[in-house]
């Protein structure tokens, strides 16, 4: 009787689809009576299908049909036979395994169902992926069983044979285990989260310690290198100044006095006598003319080049690539301003006998 009922429902559905749904707007639809249907019955059917209640039922049934998922491809082979063969071959017979076995795996709808099932299953620890859990996920994806029908068991199999006499829904067989499974999943999840938290905290502490160690080493290494470079440049500047003074003053007592007043190439020289017998007519040092930085240009002083190293400092400031350190010997225009004034003087006249920073393009050899 169950099979006859299904055949009768299929016959009505095909008749409606072929003769009514496709010609619903046809004004002569009552004249197009299908074969095996009496004209009076056809008129009653059309009148019923046009009612609001019938349309609501049709819409609901259509949605329910879509919820059943893709059709199987087993033909006349019963699901019980397929399950028997799967058992004989050692395959799992949970509902999703049977579903995949009886469908076309290349069907896009089948692929979508399997993908959603696998995504939900991946959230469960592998040790807890029992048949009951897999069946529950299956029903979460495809919905509960219909009235008198158990998914993946085929027609003619009563619900009581699958779920027992007291079952009321497709989840009843696993309801007794559901709470236990939920508890186990929760405990396993908490344990995993705790282990991950401890591991992350341990790794972060180690990484922070290593990073701080590297930063401290790099910072102190850079600071030590900078201090050594400053000392080296100062020493080289002092040696250059000493050589220039020896070339200018020779081995006189005045040389020793000037050297004592020279400090790290930064404080300059103590003022020298404007007219010194040792200053004029000496050879072997780089005598230069110092030209003003303002326009028009004028020869404002005579001097000696002490250093061309851009790292050498004057008043704590490096020369840079555009300036040289020179010793002012004689002021030709005493009130001429210095382009880079020093702490104690701002004019050429005040800088006589001292080292100053002078723009290299304004320094010329004496002719």
Protein backbone atom coordinates (compact mmCIF):
# COMPACT_ATOMS: atom_id res chain seq x y z
CA UNK A 1 0.00 0.00 0.00
CA UNK A 2 2.87 2.37 0.73
CA UNK A 3 4.22 1.87 -2.78
CA UNK A 4 0.79 2.36 -4.33
CA UNK A 5 0.37 5.59 -2.40
CA UNK A 6 3.70 6.86 -3.67
CA UNK A 7 2.84 5.94 -7.28
CA UNK A 8 -0.51 7.74 -7.00
CA UNK A 9 1.19 10.89 -5.63
CA UNK A 10 3.78 10.79 -8.41
CA UNK A 11 1.02 10.46 -11.03
CA UNK A 12 -0.83 13.52 -9.67
CA UNK A 13 2.37 15.56 -9.53
CA UNK A 14 3.32 14.72 -13.12
CA UNK A 15 -0.21 15.49 -14.37
CA UNK A 16 -0.23 18.88 -12.66
CA UNK A 17 3.23 19.79 -13.93
CA UNK A 18 2.55 18.76 -17.53
CA UNK A 19 -1.02 19.98 -18.06
CA UNK A 20 -1.58 22.76 -15.49
CA UNK A 21 1.62 24.46 -14.29
CA UNK A 22 3.00 25.02 -17.78
CA UNK A 23 -0.36 26.35 -19.09
CA UNK A 24 -1.68 28.11 -15.99
CA UNK A 25 -2.23 31.42 -17.81
CA UNK A 26 -3.85 29.81 -20.85
CA UNK A 27 -7.55 30.97 -21.06
CA UNK A 28 -8.47 27.68 -22.77
CA UNK A 29 -6.89 25.46 -20.13
CA UNK A 30 -10.25 23.86 -19.24
CA UNK A 31 -10.56 22.62 -22.82
CA UNK A 32 -7.19 20.88 -22.72
CA UNK A 33 -8.26 17.83 -20.76
CA UNK A 34 -5.50 15.25 -20.14
CA UNK A 35 -5.99 11.65 -21.10
CA UNK A 36 -7.36 9.39 -18.34
CA UNK A 37 -9.03 12.41 -16.69
CA UNK A 38 -12.74 13.11 -17.04
CA UNK A 39 -13.70 16.67 -18.11
CA UNK A 40 -15.70 17.27 -14.91
CA UNK A 41 -12.78 16.06 -12.78
CA UNK A 42 -10.36 18.25 -14.75
CA UNK A 43 -12.52 21.32 -14.14
CA UNK A 44 -12.60 20.56 -10.40
CA UNK A 45 -8.84 20.02 -10.32
CA UNK A 46 -8.09 23.33 -12.07
CA UNK A 47 -10.50 25.15 -9.78
CA UNK A 48 -8.82 23.62 -6.70
CA UNK A 49 -5.24 24.30 -7.86
CA UNK A 50 -6.16 27.97 -8.33
CA UNK A 51 -7.25 28.41 -4.70
CA UNK A 52 -4.97 30.15 -2.17
CA UNK A 53 -4.84 27.10 0.11
CA UNK A 54 -3.71 24.84 -2.71
CA UNK A 55 -0.97 27.28 -3.71
CA UNK A 56 0.30 27.49 -0.11
CA UNK A 57 0.38 23.71 0.17
CA UNK A 58 2.22 23.44 -3.15
CA UNK A 59 4.82 25.98 -2.02
CA UNK A 60 5.33 24.17 1.28
CA UNK A 61 5.66 20.78 -0.39
CA UNK A 62 8.14 22.20 -2.87
CA UNK A 63 10.35 23.47 -0.06
CA UNK A 64 10.06 20.16 1.77
CA UNK A 65 11.09 18.36 -1.38
CA UNK A 66 14.17 20.56 -1.73
CA UNK A 67 15.04 19.84 1.91
CA UNK A 68 15.22 16.12 1.15
CA UNK A 69 18.40 16.72 -0.80
CA UNK A 70 19.60 15.20 -4.08
CA UNK A 71 17.84 12.10 -5.46
CA UNK A 72 19.51 8.73 -5.16
CA UNK A 73 20.85 6.79 -8.17
CA UNK A 74 20.21 3.23 -7.02
CA UNK A 75 17.38 2.40 -9.40
CA UNK A 76 15.44 -0.65 -8.19
CA UNK A 77 18.18 -1.72 -5.76
CA UNK A 78 16.84 -1.34 -2.22
CA UNK A 79 18.83 0.55 0.41
CA UNK A 80 18.82 -2.50 2.68
CA UNK A 81 20.71 -4.45 0.02
CA UNK A 82 23.25 -1.63 -0.33
CA UNK A 83 23.75 -1.52 3.44
CA UNK A 84 24.25 -5.30 3.48
CA UNK A 85 26.93 -5.05 0.76
CA UNK A 86 28.67 -2.20 2.60
CA UNK A 87 28.75 -4.26 5.81
CA UNK A 88 30.16 -7.22 3.91
CA UNK A 89 32.93 -5.01 2.51
CA UNK A 90 33.78 -3.56 5.92
CA UNK A 91 32.51 -0.08 5.08
CA UNK A 92 30.84 2.29 7.52
CA UNK A 93 27.04 2.30 7.32
CA UNK A 94 26.27 5.57 9.05
CA UNK A 95 23.74 7.72 7.20
CA UNK A 96 26.26 9.97 5.44
CA UNK A 97 28.29 6.99 4.19
CA UNK A 98 25.13 5.42 2.72
CA UNK A 99 24.07 8.81 1.32
CA UNK A 100 27.38 9.18 -0.56
CA UNK A 101 27.23 5.55 -1.73
CA UNK A 102 23.77 6.02 -3.27
CA UNK A 103 24.34 9.42 -4.92
CA UNK A 104 26.28 10.76 -7.87
CA UNK A 105 29.39 12.29 -6.29
CA UNK A 106 29.81 14.59 -9.30
CA UNK A 107 26.41 16.20 -8.67
CA UNK A 108 26.99 19.81 -7.42
CA UNK A 109 24.20 19.42 -4.85
CA UNK A 110 25.79 16.24 -3.51
CA UNK A 111 29.18 17.96 -3.31
CA UNK A 112 27.66 20.85 -1.36
CA UNK A 113 26.04 18.48 1.17
CA UNK A 114 29.25 16.48 1.66
CA UNK A 115 31.33 19.64 2.05
CA UNK A 116 29.02 21.06 4.72
CA UNK A 117 28.99 17.71 6.54
CA UNK A 118 32.81 17.50 6.54
CA UNK A 119 33.13 21.07 7.82
CA UNK A 120 30.85 20.33 10.77
CA UNK A 121 32.56 17.00 11.44
CA UNK A 122 36.00 18.66 11.50
CA UNK A 123 34.93 20.65 14.56
CA UNK A 124 34.59 17.40 16.56
CA UNK A 125 37.73 15.68 17.95
CA UNK A 126 38.49 12.53 15.96
CA UNK A 127 38.17 10.32 19.04
CA UNK A 128 34.54 11.46 19.45
CA UNK A 129 33.44 11.01 15.83
CA UNK A 130 31.12 8.09 16.57
CA UNK A 131 28.27 6.82 14.39
CA UNK A 132 25.77 8.68 16.58
CA UNK A 133 27.69 11.95 16.14
CA UNK A 134 27.97 11.47 12.38
CA UNK A 135 24.22 10.74 12.11
CA UNK A 136 23.39 13.84 14.14
CA UNK A 137 25.50 16.03 11.84
CA UNK A 138 23.83 14.35 8.85
CA UNK A 139 20.38 15.41 10.10
CA UNK A 140 21.67 18.90 10.94
CA UNK A 141 22.60 19.26 7.27
CA UNK A 142 19.66 17.49 5.55
CA UNK A 143 16.90 17.84 8.15
CA UNK A 144 14.95 15.31 10.16
CA UNK A 145 13.19 12.28 8.75
CA UNK A 146 9.74 12.68 7.23
CA UNK A 147 6.54 11.04 8.47
CA UNK A 148 7.00 7.29 8.31
CA UNK A 149 10.29 7.55 6.48
CA UNK A 150 13.90 7.13 7.61
CA UNK A 151 16.55 8.76 5.45
CA UNK A 152 19.01 6.35 3.76
CA UNK A 153 16.91 3.30 4.77
CA UNK A 154 14.49 3.33 1.84
CA UNK A 155 10.76 2.75 1.60
CA UNK A 156 9.08 0.10 3.73
CA UNK A 157 11.46 0.36 6.69
CA UNK A 158 9.45 1.47 9.76
CA UNK A 159 10.86 4.06 12.12
CA UNK A 160 10.58 1.62 15.02
CA UNK A 161 13.03 -0.71 13.26
CA UNK A 162 15.61 2.06 13.15
CA UNK A 163 15.03 4.10 16.30
CA UNK A 164 13.03 1.75 18.55
CA UNK A 165 9.40 1.66 19.64
CA UNK A 166 9.50 4.83 21.77
CA UNK A 167 11.25 7.02 19.19
CA UNK A 168 9.61 10.24 18.09
CA UNK A 169 12.27 11.87 15.94
CA UNK A 170 15.31 10.99 13.93
CA UNK A 171 17.49 12.19 16.83
CA UNK A 172 15.88 9.91 19.39
CA UNK A 173 18.41 7.09 18.96
CA UNK A 174 21.24 9.38 19.95
CA UNK A 175 19.43 11.50 22.53
CA UNK A 176 20.72 9.38 25.40
CA UNK A 177 24.28 9.92 24.24
CA UNK A 178 23.91 13.53 23.19
CA UNK A 179 24.58 15.07 26.61
CA UNK A 180 27.54 12.81 27.22
CA UNK A 181 29.02 13.61 23.82
CA UNK A 182 28.50 17.32 24.41
CA UNK A 183 30.25 17.08 27.76
CA UNK A 184 33.18 15.18 26.28
CA UNK A 185 33.52 17.66 23.44
CA UNK A 186 33.46 20.58 25.89
CA UNK A 187 36.10 18.98 28.12
CA UNK A 188 38.32 18.12 25.16
CA UNK A 189 37.98 21.65 23.80
CA UNK A 190 38.87 23.20 27.15
CA UNK A 191 41.91 20.94 27.47
CA UNK A 192 43.13 21.87 24.00
CA UNK A 193 42.58 25.58 24.66
CA UNK A 194 44.53 25.36 27.92
CA UNK A 195 47.45 23.57 26.25
CA UNK A 196 47.51 26.11 23.44
CA UNK A 197 47.37 28.99 25.91
CA UNK A 198 50.31 27.60 27.91
CA UNK A 199 52.33 26.96 24.76
CA UNK A 200 51.65 30.44 23.38
CA UNK A 201 52.57 32.07 26.70
CA UNK A 202 55.79 30.06 26.87
CA UNK A 203 56.79 30.94 23.31
CA UNK A 204 55.94 34.61 23.77
CA UNK A 205 58.06 34.81 26.93
CA UNK A 206 61.00 33.20 25.14
CA UNK A 207 60.64 35.44 22.08
CA UNK A 208 60.37 38.60 24.21
CA UNK A 209 63.48 37.63 26.19
CA UNK A 210 65.47 36.94 23.01
CA UNK A 211 64.28 40.18 21.40
CA UNK A 212 65.24 42.27 24.44
CA UNK A 213 68.66 40.61 24.56
CA UNK A 214 69.27 41.37 20.87
CA UNK A 215 68.12 44.98 21.27
CA UNK A 216 70.39 45.54 24.28
CA UNK A 217 73.37 44.00 22.49
CA UNK A 218 72.75 46.05 19.36
CA UNK A 219 72.23 49.27 21.32
CA UNK A 220 75.39 48.89 23.39
CA UNK A 221 77.41 47.72 20.39
CA UNK A 222 76.35 50.82 18.44
CA UNK A 223 77.08 53.10 21.41
CA UNK A 224 80.55 51.61 21.91
CA UNK A 225 81.32 51.93 18.21
CA UNK A 226 80.19 55.55 18.21
CA UNK A 227 82.35 56.41 21.24
CA UNK A 228 85.40 54.73 19.72
CA UNK A 229 84.90 56.60 16.44
CA UNK A 230 84.61 59.92 18.28
CA UNK A 231 87.80 59.25 20.24
CA UNK A 232 89.62 58.17 17.09
CA UNK A 233 88.51 61.22 15.11
CA UNK A 234 89.44 63.51 17.99
CA UNK A 235 92.87 61.91 18.23
CA UNK A 236 93.43 62.22 14.49
CA UNK A 237 92.30 65.84 14.58
CA UNK A 238 94.69 66.57 17.45
CA UNK A 239 97.55 64.92 15.60
CA UNK A 240 96.76 66.96 12.48
CA UNK A 241 96.73 70.17 14.48
CA UNK A 242 100.02 69.27 16.18
CA UNK A 243 101.68 68.62 12.84
CA UNK A 244 100.43 71.96 11.50
CA UNK A 245 101.72 73.78 14.59
CA UNK A 246 105.12 72.13 14.43
CA UNK A 247 105.36 73.11 10.79
CA UNK A 248 104.41 76.70 11.67
CA UNK A 249 106.28 77.31 14.94
CA UNK A 250 109.00 74.71 14.80
CA UNK A 251 110.31 73.58 18.18
CA UNK A 252 109.80 76.85 20.06
CA UNK A 253 108.32 77.26 23.53
CA UNK A 254 105.30 78.89 21.94
CA UNK A 255 104.46 75.56 20.25
CA UNK A 256 104.22 73.78 23.61
CA UNK A 257 102.03 76.54 25.02
CA UNK A 258 99.61 76.38 22.06
CA UNK A 259 99.41 72.58 22.20
CA UNK A 260 98.50 72.70 25.87
CA UNK A 261 95.58 74.97 25.02
CA UNK A 262 94.27 72.66 22.24
CA UNK A 263 91.64 70.14 23.48
CA UNK A 264 90.32 67.22 21.39
CA UNK A 265 90.13 69.27 18.22
CA UNK A 266 87.04 71.06 19.52
CA UNK A 267 88.03 73.95 21.79
CA UNK A 268 90.45 75.42 19.26
CA UNK A 269 93.68 77.24 19.99
CA UNK A 270 94.40 79.94 22.47
CA UNK A 271 94.81 83.29 20.76
CA UNK A 272 98.20 83.64 19.15
CA UNK A 273 100.13 86.86 18.66
CA UNK A 274 98.85 88.62 15.56
CA UNK A 275 102.42 89.13 14.34
CA UNK A 276 104.74 86.25 15.00
CA UNK A 277 108.16 85.88 13.49
CA UNK A 278 107.63 82.12 13.25
CA UNK A 279 104.22 82.53 11.54
CA UNK A 280 105.43 84.30 8.42
CA UNK A 281 107.69 82.81 5.84
CA UNK A 282 107.34 79.16 7.07
CA UNK A 283 107.05 76.40 4.48
CA UNK A 284 105.73 72.83 4.63
CA UNK A 285 102.18 73.59 5.77
CA UNK A 286 99.02 74.32 3.79
CA UNK A 287 98.64 78.09 3.87
CA UNK A 288 95.26 79.23 2.60
CA UNK A 289 93.22 82.36 2.01
CA UNK A 290 89.82 82.45 3.67
CA UNK A 291 87.08 84.14 1.62
CA UNK A 292 83.85 85.56 3.07
CA UNK A 293 80.65 83.55 2.62
CA UNK A 294 78.68 86.71 1.79
CA UNK A 295 78.45 88.40 -1.59
CA UNK A 296 80.46 90.21 -2.81
CA UNK A 297 83.34 87.91 -1.89
CA UNK A 298 86.38 89.31 -0.03
CA UNK A 299 89.60 87.86 1.32
CA UNK A 300 88.96 88.18 5.04
CA UNK A 301 91.77 86.10 6.61
CA UNK A 302 94.79 83.87 6.25
CA UNK A 303 94.92 80.43 7.81
CA UNK A 304 96.09 76.83 7.94
CA UNK A 305 93.98 73.78 7.08
CA UNK A 306 93.83 71.55 10.17
CA UNK A 307 91.40 68.83 9.02
CA UNK A 308 89.16 67.95 6.09
CA UNK A 309 87.55 64.98 7.84
CA UNK A 310 83.75 65.52 7.87
CA UNK A 311 83.50 63.69 11.22
CA UNK A 312 85.82 66.08 13.06
CA UNK A 313 83.84 68.40 15.33
CA UNK A 314 84.01 72.11 16.08
CA UNK A 315 82.06 73.17 19.16
CA UNK A 316 80.53 69.68 19.28
CA UNK A 317 79.19 69.82 15.72
CA UNK A 318 80.74 67.67 12.94
CA UNK A 319 82.22 69.52 9.98
CA UNK A 320 80.15 67.68 7.44
CA UNK A 321 81.00 67.38 3.76
CA UNK A 322 80.94 71.15 3.04
CA UNK A 323 83.32 72.51 5.72
CA UNK A 324 87.01 72.22 6.69
CA UNK A 325 88.62 72.90 10.04
CA UNK A 326 91.12 75.77 9.67
CA UNK A 327 93.36 77.72 12.03
CA UNK A 328 92.91 81.48 11.55
CA UNK A 329 96.41 83.06 11.44
CA UNK A 330 95.70 86.63 10.40
CA UNK A 331 92.55 88.70 10.02
CA UNK A 332 92.41 90.94 6.94
CA UNK A 333 88.87 92.14 7.66
CA UNK A 334 88.48 91.65 11.43
CA UNK A 335 84.78 92.52 11.58
CA UNK A 336 83.80 89.95 8.93
CA UNK A 337 81.26 87.47 10.33
CA UNK A 338 81.90 83.75 10.66
CA UNK A 339 79.43 81.53 8.78
CA UNK A 340 79.58 79.08 11.68
CA UNK A 341 80.20 81.21 14.80
CA UNK A 342 81.75 79.61 17.85
CA UNK A 343 80.66 79.88 21.44
CA UNK A 344 83.23 82.58 22.35
CA UNK A 345 83.53 84.57 19.13
CA UNK A 346 81.55 85.46 16.01
CA UNK A 347 83.96 87.51 13.86
CA UNK A 348 87.21 86.79 12.07
CA UNK A 349 89.13 89.17 14.32
CA UNK A 350 87.98 87.34 17.43
CA UNK A 351 88.93 83.95 15.92
CA UNK A 352 92.61 84.72 15.26
CA UNK A 353 94.69 81.88 16.69
CA UNK A 354 91.69 79.58 16.96
CA UNK A 355 90.29 76.69 14.91
CA UNK A 356 86.99 77.36 13.14
CA UNK A 357 84.76 75.63 10.57
CA UNK A 358 85.11 77.25 7.12
CA UNK A 359 83.21 76.33 3.97
CA UNK A 360 85.62 74.42 1.72
CA UNK A 361 84.57 76.27 -1.45
CA UNK A 362 85.72 79.53 0.21
CA UNK A 363 89.21 78.24 1.01
CA UNK A 364 91.96 78.96 -1.56
CA UNK A 365 95.68 78.30 -1.64
CA UNK A 366 97.87 81.32 -1.05
CA UNK A 367 99.62 82.47 -4.19
